[in-house]
N, C-alpha and C. Protein backbone atom coordinates (compact mmCIF):
# COMPACT_ATOMS: atom_id res chain seq x y z
N MET A 1 -4.73 -40.92 46.80
CA MET A 1 -5.78 -40.20 47.19
C MET A 1 -6.35 -39.14 46.58
N PRO A 2 -7.38 -39.05 46.35
CA PRO A 2 -7.65 -37.70 45.50
C PRO A 2 -7.57 -36.83 46.28
N PRO A 3 -6.70 -35.66 45.14
CA PRO A 3 -6.76 -34.11 45.87
C PRO A 3 -7.91 -33.30 47.07
N SER A 4 -9.12 -33.87 46.90
CA SER A 4 -9.89 -33.12 47.02
C SER A 4 -10.28 -34.04 48.51
N LEU A 5 -9.88 -34.94 49.05
CA LEU A 5 -9.51 -35.77 50.17
C LEU A 5 -8.03 -36.02 51.23
N GLU A 6 -7.08 -35.22 50.55
CA GLU A 6 -5.89 -35.11 50.84
C GLU A 6 -5.90 -34.50 52.71
N ASN A 7 -6.44 -33.65 52.64
CA ASN A 7 -6.98 -32.99 53.82
C ASN A 7 -7.73 -33.51 54.98
N ASN A 8 -8.66 -34.60 54.34
CA ASN A 8 -9.46 -35.27 55.40
C ASN A 8 -8.72 -35.98 56.62
N GLN A 9 -9.02 -35.42 57.78
CA GLN A 9 -8.43 -35.67 58.86
C GLN A 9 -8.81 -37.28 58.91
N LEU A 10 -10.01 -37.62 59.25
CA LEU A 10 -10.55 -38.92 59.46
C LEU A 10 -9.79 -39.92 58.67
N LEU A 11 -10.39 -39.71 57.28
CA LEU A 11 -9.76 -40.84 56.40
C LEU A 11 -8.06 -40.91 56.36
N ASN A 12 -7.48 -39.97 56.71
CA ASN A 12 -6.02 -39.91 56.64
C ASN A 12 -5.78 -40.65 58.24
N THR A 13 -6.44 -40.58 58.99
CA THR A 13 -6.47 -41.23 60.31
C THR A 13 -6.51 -42.75 60.23
N ILE A 14 -8.03 -43.34 59.61
CA ILE A 14 -7.57 -44.71 59.28
C ILE A 14 -6.99 -44.71 58.28
N LEU A 15 -6.38 -44.60 57.15
CA LEU A 15 -5.17 -45.01 55.96
C LEU A 15 -4.04 -45.05 56.70
N ASP A 16 -3.73 -44.68 57.92
CA ASP A 16 -2.62 -44.35 58.77
C ASP A 16 -2.53 -45.59 59.44
N ARG A 17 -3.57 -45.98 60.28
CA ARG A 17 -3.71 -46.93 61.35
C ARG A 17 -2.83 -48.19 60.54
N ARG A 18 -2.11 -48.58 61.91
CA ARG A 18 -0.74 -49.75 61.65
C ARG A 18 -0.99 -50.69 63.16
N SER A 19 -1.18 -52.02 62.80
CA SER A 19 -0.97 -52.90 64.03
C SER A 19 0.56 -52.67 65.08
N ILE A 20 0.74 -52.56 66.22
CA ILE A 20 1.91 -52.59 66.58
C ILE A 20 2.02 -54.02 67.37
N ARG A 21 3.40 -54.55 67.52
CA ARG A 21 3.40 -55.66 67.97
C ARG A 21 4.64 -55.41 68.91
N HIS A 22 5.21 -54.37 69.06
CA HIS A 22 6.18 -54.12 70.08
C HIS A 22 5.99 -52.65 70.94
N PHE A 23 5.62 -52.33 72.14
CA PHE A 23 5.82 -51.16 72.91
C PHE A 23 6.73 -50.56 73.33
N SER A 24 6.41 -49.30 73.76
CA SER A 24 7.66 -48.75 74.59
C SER A 24 7.09 -49.08 75.88
N ASP A 25 8.17 -48.74 76.99
CA ASP A 25 7.65 -49.00 78.53
C ASP A 25 6.98 -47.71 79.07
N ARG A 26 6.86 -46.70 78.40
CA ARG A 26 6.17 -45.61 78.86
C ARG A 26 4.75 -45.94 79.26
N GLU A 27 4.85 -45.69 80.67
CA GLU A 27 3.54 -45.60 81.29
C GLU A 27 2.49 -44.93 80.45
N ILE A 28 1.03 -45.55 80.41
CA ILE A 28 -0.17 -44.93 79.95
C ILE A 28 -0.80 -44.15 81.12
N PRO A 29 -0.84 -42.71 80.78
CA PRO A 29 -1.25 -42.24 82.22
C PRO A 29 -3.03 -42.70 82.10
N ASP A 30 -3.38 -42.44 83.35
CA ASP A 30 -4.96 -42.90 83.73
C ASP A 30 -5.98 -41.83 82.57
N ASP A 31 -5.57 -41.07 82.54
CA ASP A 31 -6.61 -40.16 82.06
C ASP A 31 -6.39 -40.48 79.96
N VAL A 32 -5.30 -40.54 79.56
CA VAL A 32 -5.10 -40.74 78.56
C VAL A 32 -5.76 -42.48 78.26
N PHE A 33 -5.71 -43.54 78.85
CA PHE A 33 -6.18 -45.10 79.15
C PHE A 33 -7.99 -44.99 79.19
N ASN A 34 -8.70 -43.60 80.13
CA ASN A 34 -9.83 -43.76 79.87
C ASN A 34 -10.52 -43.22 78.75
N ALA A 35 -9.45 -42.12 78.14
CA ALA A 35 -10.27 -41.67 76.63
C ALA A 35 -9.95 -42.78 75.97
N ILE A 36 -9.26 -43.84 75.48
CA ILE A 36 -9.23 -44.52 74.81
C ILE A 36 -10.31 -45.19 74.93
N LEU A 37 -10.64 -46.06 76.31
CA LEU A 37 -11.65 -46.87 76.56
C LEU A 37 -13.17 -46.14 76.32
N GLU A 38 -13.15 -44.66 76.30
CA GLU A 38 -14.61 -43.92 75.90
C GLU A 38 -14.31 -43.72 74.39
N ALA A 39 -13.48 -43.81 73.52
CA ALA A 39 -13.22 -43.97 72.26
C ALA A 39 -14.51 -45.15 72.22
N GLY A 40 -13.96 -46.12 72.42
CA GLY A 40 -14.79 -47.76 72.32
C GLY A 40 -16.06 -47.63 72.63
N ARG A 41 -16.75 -47.16 73.48
CA ARG A 41 -17.85 -47.26 74.14
C ARG A 41 -18.97 -46.29 73.17
N VAL A 42 -18.12 -45.04 72.51
CA VAL A 42 -19.11 -44.64 71.52
C VAL A 42 -19.07 -44.78 70.13
N ALA A 43 -18.67 -46.34 69.82
CA ALA A 43 -18.43 -46.96 68.85
C ALA A 43 -19.94 -47.21 68.24
N PRO A 44 -20.04 -47.42 66.99
CA PRO A 44 -21.32 -47.70 66.30
C PRO A 44 -21.60 -49.23 66.81
N SER A 45 -22.85 -49.54 67.34
CA SER A 45 -23.38 -50.62 67.44
C SER A 45 -24.94 -51.21 67.22
N THR A 46 -25.28 -52.11 66.61
CA THR A 46 -26.73 -52.80 66.32
C THR A 46 -27.53 -52.02 67.70
N VAL A 47 -28.67 -51.29 66.83
CA VAL A 47 -29.59 -50.49 67.74
C VAL A 47 -28.89 -50.00 69.44
N ASN A 48 -27.58 -49.43 68.99
CA ASN A 48 -27.16 -49.06 70.54
C ASN A 48 -27.16 -49.91 71.77
N LEU A 49 -26.89 -51.32 71.08
CA LEU A 49 -27.10 -52.41 72.40
C LEU A 49 -25.62 -52.28 72.97
N GLN A 50 -24.22 -51.91 72.08
CA GLN A 50 -23.28 -51.81 72.68
C GLN A 50 -23.09 -53.59 73.30
N THR A 51 -23.22 -54.61 72.52
CA THR A 51 -22.73 -56.03 72.67
C THR A 51 -21.48 -56.22 72.96
N TRP A 52 -20.58 -55.89 74.06
CA TRP A 52 -19.38 -56.22 74.32
C TRP A 52 -19.19 -55.91 76.01
N ALA A 53 -18.20 -56.50 76.25
CA ALA A 53 -17.67 -56.10 77.59
C ALA A 53 -16.17 -55.33 77.27
N LEU A 54 -15.65 -55.56 78.68
CA LEU A 54 -14.33 -54.99 78.50
C LEU A 54 -13.73 -55.62 80.14
N ALA A 55 -12.79 -56.06 79.72
CA ALA A 55 -11.84 -56.53 80.94
C ALA A 55 -10.25 -55.88 80.32
N THR A 56 -10.10 -55.02 81.59
CA THR A 56 -8.95 -54.08 81.21
C THR A 56 -7.61 -54.73 82.53
N PHE A 57 -6.53 -54.43 82.02
CA PHE A 57 -5.43 -55.31 82.52
C PHE A 57 -3.99 -54.50 82.90
N THR A 58 -3.72 -54.41 83.85
CA THR A 58 -2.19 -53.61 83.90
C THR A 58 -1.23 -54.79 83.68
N ASP A 59 -0.11 -54.79 83.39
CA ASP A 59 1.05 -55.96 83.79
C ASP A 59 0.70 -56.80 84.61
N GLN A 60 0.59 -56.23 86.09
CA GLN A 60 0.34 -56.94 87.18
C GLN A 60 -0.85 -57.96 87.11
N THR A 61 -1.91 -57.57 86.97
CA THR A 61 -3.40 -57.93 86.63
C THR A 61 -3.04 -59.06 85.81
N TRP A 62 -2.54 -58.80 84.83
CA TRP A 62 -2.62 -59.69 83.80
C TRP A 62 -1.42 -60.91 84.12
N LYS A 63 -0.31 -60.36 84.77
CA LYS A 63 0.68 -61.68 85.47
C LYS A 63 -0.23 -62.32 86.23
N GLU A 64 -1.02 -62.03 87.05
CA GLU A 64 -1.76 -62.88 88.18
C GLU A 64 -2.96 -63.53 87.79
N LEU A 65 -3.43 -63.06 86.60
CA LEU A 65 -4.73 -64.11 85.54
C LEU A 65 -3.90 -65.33 85.06
N PHE A 66 -2.61 -64.28 84.08
CA PHE A 66 -2.06 -65.46 82.84
C PHE A 66 -0.73 -65.94 83.25
N ASP A 67 -0.14 -65.74 84.40
CA ASP A 67 1.10 -66.38 84.54
C ASP A 67 2.19 -65.69 83.68
N GLN A 68 1.90 -64.37 83.07
CA GLN A 68 2.86 -63.58 81.93
C GLN A 68 2.71 -62.82 81.59
N SER A 69 4.09 -62.03 81.04
CA SER A 69 3.84 -60.58 80.77
C SER A 69 2.39 -60.35 79.75
N ILE A 70 2.05 -59.48 79.50
CA ILE A 70 1.43 -58.59 78.99
C ILE A 70 1.99 -58.94 77.61
N PRO A 71 1.78 -59.53 75.91
CA PRO A 71 2.29 -59.47 74.88
C PRO A 71 2.67 -58.18 74.35
N PHE A 72 3.87 -58.25 73.75
CA PHE A 72 4.38 -57.82 73.09
C PHE A 72 5.24 -56.52 73.95
N ASN A 73 5.31 -56.60 75.59
CA ASN A 73 5.82 -55.99 76.24
C ASN A 73 4.61 -54.66 76.69
N GLY A 74 3.60 -55.00 76.52
CA GLY A 74 2.93 -54.10 76.45
C GLY A 74 2.45 -53.84 78.03
N ASN A 75 2.06 -52.60 78.48
CA ASN A 75 2.18 -51.96 80.17
C ASN A 75 0.61 -51.82 80.18
N ARG A 76 -0.48 -51.89 79.39
CA ARG A 76 -2.20 -52.24 79.66
C ARG A 76 -2.62 -53.11 78.60
N ALA A 77 -3.44 -54.11 78.65
CA ALA A 77 -4.32 -54.37 77.78
C ALA A 77 -5.99 -54.43 78.13
N VAL A 78 -6.31 -54.56 76.93
CA VAL A 78 -8.38 -54.44 76.97
C VAL A 78 -8.19 -55.76 76.36
N ILE A 79 -9.11 -56.39 76.46
CA ILE A 79 -10.09 -57.63 76.31
C ILE A 79 -11.41 -56.92 75.93
N VAL A 80 -11.95 -57.18 74.79
CA VAL A 80 -13.21 -56.98 74.38
C VAL A 80 -13.69 -58.30 73.85
N PRO A 81 -14.43 -58.64 74.98
CA PRO A 81 -15.71 -59.90 73.96
C PRO A 81 -16.61 -59.36 73.91
N GLY A 82 -17.81 -60.27 72.80
CA GLY A 82 -18.70 -60.13 72.56
C GLY A 82 -20.04 -60.65 73.61
N ASP A 83 -20.59 -59.90 73.80
CA ASP A 83 -21.95 -60.01 74.82
C ASP A 83 -22.99 -60.52 74.46
N THR A 84 -23.24 -61.75 74.07
CA THR A 84 -24.68 -62.25 73.38
C THR A 84 -25.91 -62.22 73.91
N HIS A 85 -25.81 -61.92 75.32
CA HIS A 85 -27.11 -61.73 76.12
C HIS A 85 -27.63 -60.30 76.00
N ARG A 86 -26.97 -59.51 75.61
CA ARG A 86 -27.65 -58.12 75.43
C ARG A 86 -28.53 -58.13 73.66
N GLY A 87 -27.54 -59.00 73.01
CA GLY A 87 -28.54 -59.07 71.66
C GLY A 87 -29.87 -59.61 71.59
N LYS A 88 -30.14 -60.54 72.83
CA LYS A 88 -31.52 -60.93 73.02
C LYS A 88 -32.34 -60.32 72.96
N LYS A 89 -32.28 -59.37 73.55
CA LYS A 89 -33.17 -57.98 74.21
C LYS A 89 -33.89 -57.71 72.67
N VAL A 90 -33.03 -58.03 71.76
CA VAL A 90 -33.68 -57.11 70.45
C VAL A 90 -34.17 -58.51 69.29
N MET A 91 -33.47 -59.95 69.99
CA MET A 91 -33.73 -60.32 68.83
C MET A 91 -35.13 -61.58 69.41
N GLY A 92 -35.81 -61.13 70.29
CA GLY A 92 -36.68 -62.07 70.89
C GLY A 92 -37.77 -62.21 70.20
N PHE A 93 -37.99 -61.54 69.43
CA PHE A 93 -38.92 -61.54 68.25
C PHE A 93 -38.50 -62.75 66.90
N PHE A 94 -37.18 -63.26 66.96
CA PHE A 94 -36.87 -64.21 66.29
C PHE A 94 -37.10 -65.53 66.91
N SER A 95 -36.92 -66.45 66.58
CA SER A 95 -36.84 -67.87 67.29
C SER A 95 -35.32 -67.90 67.87
N HIS A 96 -34.99 -68.71 68.51
CA HIS A 96 -33.45 -68.78 68.77
C HIS A 96 -32.74 -68.90 67.84
N ARG A 97 -31.72 -67.73 67.47
CA ARG A 97 -30.33 -67.80 66.16
C ARG A 97 -29.36 -67.73 66.88
N PRO A 98 -28.55 -68.75 67.55
CA PRO A 98 -27.02 -68.34 68.04
C PRO A 98 -26.56 -67.89 67.28
N LEU A 99 -26.23 -68.08 66.07
CA LEU A 99 -25.39 -67.88 65.08
C LEU A 99 -25.63 -66.34 64.81
N VAL A 100 -27.00 -65.58 64.74
CA VAL A 100 -27.05 -64.57 64.86
C VAL A 100 -26.88 -63.91 65.77
N GLU A 101 -26.85 -63.90 67.00
CA GLU A 101 -26.51 -63.50 68.26
C GLU A 101 -24.90 -63.39 68.28
N TYR A 102 -24.20 -64.61 68.10
CA TYR A 102 -23.07 -64.31 68.36
C TYR A 102 -22.30 -63.53 67.30
N THR A 103 -22.71 -63.56 65.96
CA THR A 103 -22.35 -62.69 64.81
C THR A 103 -22.44 -61.41 65.40
N LEU A 104 -23.53 -60.88 65.63
CA LEU A 104 -24.16 -59.20 66.37
C LEU A 104 -23.19 -59.12 67.25
N ALA A 105 -22.83 -59.92 68.54
CA ALA A 105 -21.79 -59.71 69.11
C ALA A 105 -20.30 -59.26 68.85
N VAL A 106 -20.21 -60.38 67.89
CA VAL A 106 -18.74 -60.43 67.42
C VAL A 106 -18.23 -59.05 66.55
N ILE A 107 -19.32 -58.82 65.64
CA ILE A 107 -19.08 -57.13 64.96
C ILE A 107 -19.07 -56.10 65.61
N ASN A 108 -20.13 -56.12 66.98
CA ASN A 108 -20.20 -54.66 67.80
C ASN A 108 -19.23 -54.88 68.63
N ALA A 109 -18.60 -55.88 68.99
CA ALA A 109 -17.09 -55.84 69.92
C ALA A 109 -16.02 -55.62 68.75
N SER A 110 -16.01 -55.93 67.92
CA SER A 110 -14.76 -55.82 66.63
C SER A 110 -15.00 -53.90 67.07
N LEU A 111 -15.75 -53.54 66.57
CA LEU A 111 -16.30 -52.15 65.83
C LEU A 111 -15.97 -51.57 67.30
N ALA A 112 -15.96 -51.60 68.51
CA ALA A 112 -15.28 -51.13 69.75
C ALA A 112 -14.46 -51.03 69.88
N ALA A 113 -13.26 -52.69 69.27
CA ALA A 113 -11.99 -52.35 69.51
C ALA A 113 -11.00 -51.53 68.70
N MET A 114 -11.92 -51.58 67.54
CA MET A 114 -11.30 -50.56 66.42
C MET A 114 -11.57 -49.69 66.86
N ASN A 115 -12.11 -48.69 67.50
CA ASN A 115 -12.58 -47.04 67.75
C ASN A 115 -11.02 -46.88 68.75
N ARG A 116 -10.88 -47.93 69.40
CA ARG A 116 -9.70 -47.79 70.60
C ARG A 116 -8.71 -48.07 70.07
N LEU A 117 -8.65 -48.52 68.39
CA LEU A 117 -6.98 -48.37 68.03
C LEU A 117 -6.81 -47.42 67.18
N LEU A 118 -8.04 -46.28 66.79
CA LEU A 118 -7.61 -45.68 65.77
C LEU A 118 -6.68 -44.11 66.59
N ARG A 119 -5.81 -43.72 66.37
CA ARG A 119 -5.10 -42.74 66.30
C ARG A 119 -4.55 -41.83 65.36
N GLN A 120 -4.15 -40.78 65.74
CA GLN A 120 -3.03 -39.80 64.45
C GLN A 120 -1.63 -40.40 64.63
N ARG A 121 -1.11 -40.40 63.74
CA ARG A 121 0.59 -40.45 64.05
C ARG A 121 1.28 -39.48 64.06
N HIS A 122 2.21 -38.89 64.75
CA HIS A 122 3.11 -37.51 65.19
C HIS A 122 3.94 -37.95 64.35
């Protein structure tokens, strides 16, 4: 890291990001969970289409749907699928291009998911 960027909080947050494969049993308070969801909502997206949807789960609602616990002992989960229908709003001037619509939706959903995963380590 160049000395001029050592105190760059955003860059340090990005570089310190890690994928977690096991979680504690601490509950996530609703206000914290809502703030995490909001971080994804404000993620950049193509012409602000926000081509994603959200499916949020507690361990109980996950078990009801998938007949098993949330992976890695999580107690809340979010699935962020891409929404190809929103992309069609601005793609109308192109002929039908499913790969473009799909790619747009996946990239934007990925940005929203990534924003939800960034946090400062303590």
